[in-house]
Amino acid sequence: MPKSLSFPTPEAVPEEYVAPRFCLRPLRETDVEADYAAVMSSRAFLRQWEQSGWPADDFTLEDNRADLIRHEREHRAGEAYTFTVLDPTRQECLGCVYIYPPDYRTFTRSRITALSDHRWADGMAIFLWVRTDMFFIDLDRTLLEALRSWLPSWGVETMYFVTSAGLKRQVDIFNQAGLRPLFEIDDPKLAGSSVAFG
């Protein structure tokens, strides 16, 4: 699928975003233990979010390290950007944010159906999750608001926030933020459909 826009280069991507309740910085292999703790604490939610069996009950620290190495490599190469969401002390991982170009491999193998007059190639796909024990302070809502104001400053103008069609919490958050379903995404490797809001 051809792109009609330029994906931000690594040089254009900030190294940090600081907010009162969290900060964002690129995910690194050295985050493996904190990231693993966050993933395993929220695995039931993430299985719905991923529409797969990930992370399995026997998912190991080394399995997680392999994922982080891939994300860090893609980030450095400018193929996709992954940020860890950290608490203000930068000790605890609270979630992750993933930013993908429209021609990322996940999407080239998927059937993408427009629900409006928007074009998939004109935007960038953003996925986010936070630990389920952060739902009580609505950190996911706060993170969404922060991303919508921060990402345009480094070149991400058209944002499509993607989630599982059956994940009620995120669907509700996106709707309540004034976003609307723009695309349905059917990835043959996943159990269900995803929806991109913008």
C-alpha atoms as a PDB file:
ATOM      1  CA  MET A   1       0.000   0.000   0.000  1.00  0.00           C
ATOM      2  CA  PRO A   2       1.655   3.280  -1.055  1.00  0.00           C
ATOM      3  CA  LYS A   3       2.142   6.072   1.424  1.00  0.00           C
ATOM      4  CA  SER A   4       1.122   9.613   0.578  1.00  0.00           C
ATOM      5  CA  LEU A   5       2.952  11.180   3.491  1.00  0.00           C
ATOM      6  CA  SER A   6       6.352  11.061   5.104  1.00  0.00           C
ATOM      7  CA  PHE A   7       6.771   9.176   8.342  1.00  0.00           C
ATOM      8  CA  PRO A   8       8.727  11.308  10.841  1.00  0.00           C
ATOM      9  CA  THR A   9      12.441  10.620  10.846  1.00  0.00           C
ATOM     10  CA  PRO A  10      14.152   9.585  14.100  1.00  0.00           C
ATOM     11  CA  GLU A  11      15.709  13.044  14.271  1.00  0.00           C
ATOM     12  CA  ALA A  12      12.243  14.617  14.394  1.00  0.00           C
ATOM     13  CA  VAL A  13      11.042  12.426  17.249  1.00  0.00           C
ATOM     14  CA  PRO A  14      11.445  13.898  20.747  1.00  0.00           C
ATOM     15  CA  GLU A  15      13.246  11.923  23.403  1.00  0.00           C
ATOM     16  CA  GLU A  16      10.751  12.713  26.144  1.00  0.00           C
ATOM     17  CA  TYR A  17       7.334  14.029  27.018  1.00  0.00           C
ATOM     18  CA  VAL A  18       6.640  14.981  30.636  1.00  0.00           C
ATOM     19  CA  ALA A  19       3.162  15.341  32.144  1.00  0.00           C
ATOM     20  CA  PRO A  20       2.039  15.576  35.773  1.00  0.00           C
ATOM     21  CA  ARG A  21       1.033  11.905  36.058  1.00  0.00           C
ATOM     22  CA  PHE A  22       3.447  10.244  33.644  1.00  0.00           C
ATOM     23  CA  CYS A  23       6.261  10.688  31.196  1.00  0.00           C
ATOM     24  CA  LEU A  24       6.965   9.136  27.812  1.00  0.00           C
ATOM     25  CA  ARG A  25      10.306   8.139  26.371  1.00  0.00           C
ATOM     26  CA  PRO A  26      11.450   5.593  23.770  1.00  0.00           C
ATOM     27  CA  LEU A  27      11.169   1.982  24.915  1.00  0.00           C
ATOM     28  CA  ARG A  28      14.543   0.273  25.361  1.00  0.00           C
ATOM     29  CA  GLU A  29      15.783  -3.229  26.022  1.00  0.00           C
ATOM     30  CA  THR A  30      16.910  -2.030  29.442  1.00  0.00           C
ATOM     31  CA  ASP A  31      13.228  -1.491  30.335  1.00  0.00           C
ATOM     32  CA  VAL A  32      12.623  -5.231  30.151  1.00  0.00           C
ATOM     33  CA  GLU A  33      11.868  -5.867  33.833  1.00  0.00           C
ATOM     34  CA  ALA A  34       9.583  -2.874  34.347  1.00  0.00           C
ATOM     35  CA  ASP A  35       7.807  -3.513  31.039  1.00  0.00           C
ATOM     36  CA  TYR A  36       7.401  -7.208  31.838  1.00  0.00           C
ATOM     37  CA  ALA A  37       5.815  -6.390  35.197  1.00  0.00           C
ATOM     38  CA  ALA A  38       3.316  -4.056  33.493  1.00  0.00           C
ATOM     39  CA  VAL A  39       2.480  -6.565  30.758  1.00  0.00           C
ATOM     40  CA  MET A  40       1.934  -9.469  33.127  1.00  0.00           C
ATOM     41  CA  SER A  41      -0.128  -7.365  35.546  1.00  0.00           C
ATOM     42  CA  SER A  42      -2.581  -6.599  32.744  1.00  0.00           C
ATOM     43  CA  ARG A  43      -2.429  -9.743  30.636  1.00  0.00           C
ATOM     44  CA  ALA A  44      -6.199 -10.417  30.553  1.00  0.00           C
ATOM     45  CA  PHE A  45      -6.809  -6.906  29.201  1.00  0.00           C
ATOM     46  CA  LEU A  46      -3.913  -7.171  26.734  1.00  0.00           C
ATOM     47  CA  ARG A  47      -5.227 -10.431  25.305  1.00  0.00           C
ATOM     48  CA  GLN A  48      -8.444  -8.594  24.397  1.00  0.00           C
ATOM     49  CA  TRP A  49      -6.477  -5.600  23.127  1.00  0.00           C
ATOM     50  CA  GLU A  50      -4.169  -7.825  21.035  1.00  0.00           C
ATOM     51  CA  GLN A  51      -7.007 -10.191  20.020  1.00  0.00           C
ATOM     52  CA  SER A  52      -4.632 -13.075  20.600  1.00  0.00           C
ATOM     53  CA  GLY A  53      -3.211 -15.219  23.375  1.00  0.00           C
ATOM     54  CA  TRP A  54      -0.455 -12.682  24.063  1.00  0.00           C
ATOM     55  CA  PRO A  55       0.878 -12.571  26.649  1.00  0.00           C
ATOM     56  CA  ALA A  56       0.520 -16.238  27.512  1.00  0.00           C
ATOM     57  CA  ASP A  57       0.665 -17.308  31.150  1.00  0.00           C
ATOM     58  CA  ASP A  58       4.125 -18.766  30.472  1.00  0.00           C
ATOM     59  CA  PHE A  59       5.401 -15.591  28.743  1.00  0.00           C
ATOM     60  CA  THR A  60       8.920 -15.093  30.090  1.00  0.00           C
ATOM     61  CA  LEU A  61      11.201 -12.163  30.749  1.00  0.00           C
ATOM     62  CA  GLU A  62      13.358 -13.326  27.837  1.00  0.00           C
ATOM     63  CA  ASP A  63      10.324 -13.463  25.543  1.00  0.00           C
ATOM     64  CA  ASN A  64       9.651  -9.875  26.521  1.00  0.00           C
ATOM     65  CA  ARG A  65      13.283  -8.919  25.925  1.00  0.00           C
ATOM     66  CA  ALA A  66      13.002 -10.147  22.331  1.00  0.00           C
ATOM     67  CA  ASP A  67       9.942  -7.926  21.818  1.00  0.00           C
ATOM     68  CA  LEU A  68      11.716  -4.899  23.268  1.00  0.00           C
ATOM     69  CA  ILE A  69      14.809  -5.453  21.126  1.00  0.00           C
ATOM     70  CA  ARG A  70      12.590  -5.437  18.022  1.00  0.00           C
ATOM     71  CA  HIS A  71      10.738  -2.285  19.102  1.00  0.00           C
ATOM     72  CA  GLU A  72      13.986  -0.492  19.929  1.00  0.00           C
ATOM     73  CA  ARG A  73      15.516  -1.465  16.575  1.00  0.00           C
ATOM     74  CA  GLU A  74      12.453  -0.216  14.676  1.00  0.00           C
ATOM     75  CA  HIS A  75      12.440   3.023  16.678  1.00  0.00           C
ATOM     76  CA  ARG A  76      16.104   3.725  15.933  1.00  0.00           C
ATOM     77  CA  ALA A  77      15.590   2.918  12.244  1.00  0.00           C
ATOM     78  CA  GLY A  78      12.496   5.132  11.973  1.00  0.00           C
ATOM     79  CA  GLU A  79      10.277   2.223  10.895  1.00  0.00           C
ATOM     80  CA  ALA A  80       7.876   2.582  13.844  1.00  0.00           C
ATOM     81  CA  TYR A  81       8.041   4.348  17.205  1.00  0.00           C
ATOM     82  CA  THR A  82       7.393   2.795  20.593  1.00  0.00           C
ATOM     83  CA  PHE A  83       7.266   4.777  23.827  1.00  0.00           C
ATOM     84  CA  THR A  84       7.116   3.454  27.339  1.00  0.00           C
ATOM     85  CA  VAL A  85       4.734   5.222  29.697  1.00  0.00           C
ATOM     86  CA  LEU A  86       6.538   5.742  32.998  1.00  0.00           C
ATOM     87  CA  ASP A  87       5.439   7.028  36.378  1.00  0.00           C
ATOM     88  CA  PRO A  88       6.854  10.469  37.348  1.00  0.00           C
ATOM     89  CA  THR A  89       9.814   8.840  39.146  1.00  0.00           C
ATOM     90  CA  ARG A  90      10.640   6.909  35.939  1.00  0.00           C
ATOM     91  CA  GLN A  91      10.822   3.664  37.915  1.00  0.00           C
ATOM     92  CA  GLU A  92       7.511   1.978  37.056  1.00  0.00           C
ATOM     93  CA  CYS A  93       6.147   1.192  33.617  1.00  0.00           C
ATOM     94  CA  LEU A  94       2.485   2.195  33.311  1.00  0.00           C
ATOM     95  CA  GLY A  95       1.891   1.193  29.679  1.00  0.00           C
ATOM     96  CA  CYS A  96       3.037   1.722  26.096  1.00  0.00           C
ATOM     97  CA  VAL A  97       2.333   3.779  22.971  1.00  0.00           C
ATOM     98  CA  TYR A  98       3.006   2.511  19.439  1.00  0.00           C
ATOM     99  CA  ILE A  99       3.081   4.726  16.340  1.00  0.00           C
ATOM    100  CA  TYR A 100       3.070   3.077  12.906  1.00  0.00           C
ATOM    101  CA  PRO A 101       3.128   4.303   9.307  1.00  0.00           C
ATOM    102  CA  PRO A 102       0.172   3.248   7.133  1.00  0.00           C
ATOM    103  CA  ASP A 103       2.308   0.750   5.213  1.00  0.00           C
ATOM    104  CA  TYR A 104       3.628  -1.088   8.265  1.00  0.00           C
ATOM    105  CA  ARG A 105       3.595  -4.866   7.693  1.00  0.00           C
ATOM    106  CA  THR A 106       0.604  -5.413   9.998  1.00  0.00           C
ATOM    107  CA  PHE A 107      -1.511  -3.271   7.698  1.00  0.00           C
ATOM    108  CA  THR A 108      -0.202  -4.510   4.363  1.00  0.00           C
ATOM    109  CA  ARG A 109      -1.481  -7.989   5.222  1.00  0.00           C
ATOM    110  CA  SER A 110      -4.826  -6.665   6.505  1.00  0.00           C
ATOM    111  CA  ARG A 111      -8.090  -5.778   4.804  1.00  0.00           C
ATOM    112  CA  ILE A 112      -8.792  -2.141   5.640  1.00  0.00           C
ATOM    113  CA  THR A 113     -12.323  -0.913   5.028  1.00  0.00           C
ATOM    114  CA  ALA A 114     -13.037   2.821   5.052  1.00  0.00           C
ATOM    115  CA  LEU A 115     -16.110   3.837   7.052  1.00  0.00           C
ATOM    116  CA  SER A 116     -15.892   7.448   5.864  1.00  0.00           C
ATOM    117  CA  ASP A 117     -14.207   9.463   3.127  1.00  0.00           C
ATOM    118  CA  HIS A 118     -10.815   9.381   4.875  1.00  0.00           C
ATOM    119  CA  ARG A 119      -7.866   7.573   3.273  1.00  0.00           C
ATOM    120  CA  TRP A 120      -5.777   5.146   5.306  1.00  0.00           C
ATOM    121  CA  ALA A 121      -2.588   6.297   3.569  1.00  0.00           C
ATOM    122  CA  ASP A 122      -3.085   9.839   4.863  1.00  0.00           C
ATOM    123  CA  GLY A 123      -2.662   9.029   8.548  1.00  0.00           C
ATOM    124  CA  MET A 124      -0.581   7.211  11.107  1.00  0.00           C
ATOM    125  CA  ALA A 125      -1.829   4.397  13.298  1.00  0.00           C
ATOM    126  CA  ILE A 126      -1.514   4.775  17.053  1.00  0.00           C
ATOM    127  CA  PHE A 127      -2.064   2.069  19.653  1.00  0.00           C
ATOM    128  CA  LEU A 128      -1.956   2.682  23.398  1.00  0.00           C
ATOM    129  CA  TRP A 129      -2.521   0.775  26.601  1.00  0.00           C
ATOM    130  CA  VAL A 130      -2.029   1.369  30.298  1.00  0.00           C
ATOM    131  CA  ARG A 131      -1.941  -0.984  33.250  1.00  0.00           C
ATOM    132  CA  THR A 132      -5.398  -1.963  34.405  1.00  0.00           C
ATOM    133  CA  ASP A 133      -4.598  -0.738  37.917  1.00  0.00           C
ATOM    134  CA  MET A 134      -4.321   2.747  36.371  1.00  0.00           C
ATOM    135  CA  PHE A 135      -7.918   2.712  35.122  1.00  0.00           C
ATOM    136  CA  PHE A 136      -9.136   4.132  38.438  1.00  0.00           C
ATOM    137  CA  ILE A 137      -7.407   7.445  37.657  1.00  0.00           C
ATOM    138  CA  ASP A 138      -8.361   7.259  33.956  1.00  0.00           C
ATOM    139  CA  LEU A 139      -4.711   7.348  32.917  1.00  0.00           C
ATOM    140  CA  ASP A 140      -5.645   6.007  29.488  1.00  0.00           C
ATOM    141  CA  ARG A 141      -7.939   8.997  28.894  1.00  0.00           C
ATOM    142  CA  THR A 142      -5.215  11.381  30.048  1.00  0.00           C
ATOM    143  CA  LEU A 143      -2.682   9.664  27.806  1.00  0.00           C
ATOM    144  CA  LEU A 144      -4.974   9.956  24.785  1.00  0.00           C
ATOM    145  CA  GLU A 145      -5.423  13.685  25.382  1.00  0.00           C
ATOM    146  CA  ALA A 146      -1.678  14.151  25.737  1.00  0.00           C
ATOM    147  CA  LEU A 147      -0.929  12.289  22.514  1.00  0.00           C
ATOM    148  CA  ARG A 148      -3.464  14.323  20.554  1.00  0.00           C
ATOM    149  CA  SER A 149      -1.705  17.534  21.565  1.00  0.00           C
ATOM    150  CA  TRP A 150       1.908  16.275  21.478  1.00  0.00           C
ATOM    151  CA  LEU A 151       2.166  14.237  18.275  1.00  0.00           C
ATOM    152  CA  PRO A 152       1.358  17.090  15.852  1.00  0.00           C
ATOM    153  CA  SER A 153       4.375  18.982  17.228  1.00  0.00           C
ATOM    154  CA  TRP A 154       6.694  16.429  15.666  1.00  0.00           C
ATOM    155  CA  GLY A 155       4.935  15.794  12.403  1.00  0.00           C
ATOM    156  CA  VAL A 156       2.067  13.403  13.142  1.00  0.00           C
ATOM    157  CA  GLU A 157      -0.920  15.404  11.942  1.00  0.00           C
ATOM    158  CA  THR A 158      -3.510  12.792  10.987  1.00  0.00           C
ATOM    159  CA  MET A 159      -3.869  10.262  13.790  1.00  0.00           C
ATOM    160  CA  TYR A 160      -5.863   7.059  13.677  1.00  0.00           C
ATOM    161  CA  PHE A 161      -6.238   5.539  17.153  1.00  0.00           C
ATOM    162  CA  VAL A 162      -6.647   1.790  16.765  1.00  0.00           C
ATOM    163  CA  THR A 163      -8.202  -0.715  19.155  1.00  0.00           C
ATOM    164  CA  SER A 164      -9.995  -4.027  19.160  1.00  0.00           C
ATOM    165  CA  ALA A 165     -13.611  -3.611  18.079  1.00  0.00           C
ATOM    166  CA  GLY A 166     -14.690  -5.612  21.126  1.00  0.00           C
ATOM    167  CA  LEU A 167     -12.652  -3.702  23.714  1.00  0.00           C
ATOM    168  CA  LYS A 168     -15.431  -1.614  25.233  1.00  0.00           C
ATOM    169  CA  ARG A 169     -13.262   0.565  27.478  1.00  0.00           C
ATOM    170  CA  GLN A 170     -11.072   1.913  24.682  1.00  0.00           C
ATOM    171  CA  VAL A 171     -13.950   2.196  22.220  1.00  0.00           C
ATOM    172  CA  ASP A 172     -15.871   4.249  24.803  1.00  0.00           C
ATOM    173  CA  ILE A 173     -12.848   6.434  25.580  1.00  0.00           C
ATOM    174  CA  PHE A 174     -12.296   7.216  21.902  1.00  0.00           C
ATOM    175  CA  ASN A 175     -15.976   7.969  21.345  1.00  0.00           C
ATOM    176  CA  GLN A 176     -16.161  10.188  24.428  1.00  0.00           C
ATOM    177  CA  ALA A 177     -13.091  12.085  23.212  1.00  0.00           C
ATOM    178  CA  GLY A 178     -15.022  13.062  20.095  1.00  0.00           C
ATOM    179  CA  LEU A 179     -13.273  10.563  17.820  1.00  0.00           C
ATOM    180  CA  ARG A 180     -15.290   8.538  15.342  1.00  0.00           C
ATOM    181  CA  PRO A 181     -14.764   5.155  13.666  1.00  0.00           C
ATOM    182  CA  LEU A 182     -13.023   5.746  10.332  1.00  0.00           C
ATOM    183  CA  PHE A 183     -11.714   2.315   9.340  1.00  0.00           C
ATOM    184  CA  GLU A 184     -12.280  -1.335  10.092  1.00  0.00           C
ATOM    185  CA  ILE A 185      -9.120  -3.447  10.040  1.00  0.00           C
ATOM    186  CA  ASP A 186      -9.211  -7.204   9.543  1.00  0.00           C
ATOM    187  CA  ASP A 187      -5.830  -8.807  10.179  1.00  0.00           C
ATOM    188  CA  PRO A 188      -5.867 -12.510   9.232  1.00  0.00           C
ATOM    189  CA  LYS A 189      -3.524 -13.255  12.129  1.00  0.00           C
ATOM    190  CA  LEU A 190      -5.940 -11.917  14.749  1.00  0.00           C
ATOM    191  CA  ALA A 191      -9.134 -13.339  16.192  1.00  0.00           C
ATOM    192  CA  GLY A 192     -11.315 -10.289  15.542  1.00  0.00           C
ATOM    193  CA  SER A 193     -11.538  -6.910  13.864  1.00  0.00           C
ATOM    194  CA  SER A 194      -9.957  -3.642  14.909  1.00  0.00           C
ATOM    195  CA  VAL A 195     -11.367  -0.158  14.497  1.00  0.00           C
ATOM    196  CA  ALA A 196      -9.383   2.998  13.789  1.00  0.00           C
ATOM    197  CA  PHE A 197     -10.827   6.201  15.259  1.00  0.00           C
ATOM    198  CA  GLY A 198      -9.991   9.709  14.179  1.00  0.00           C
END
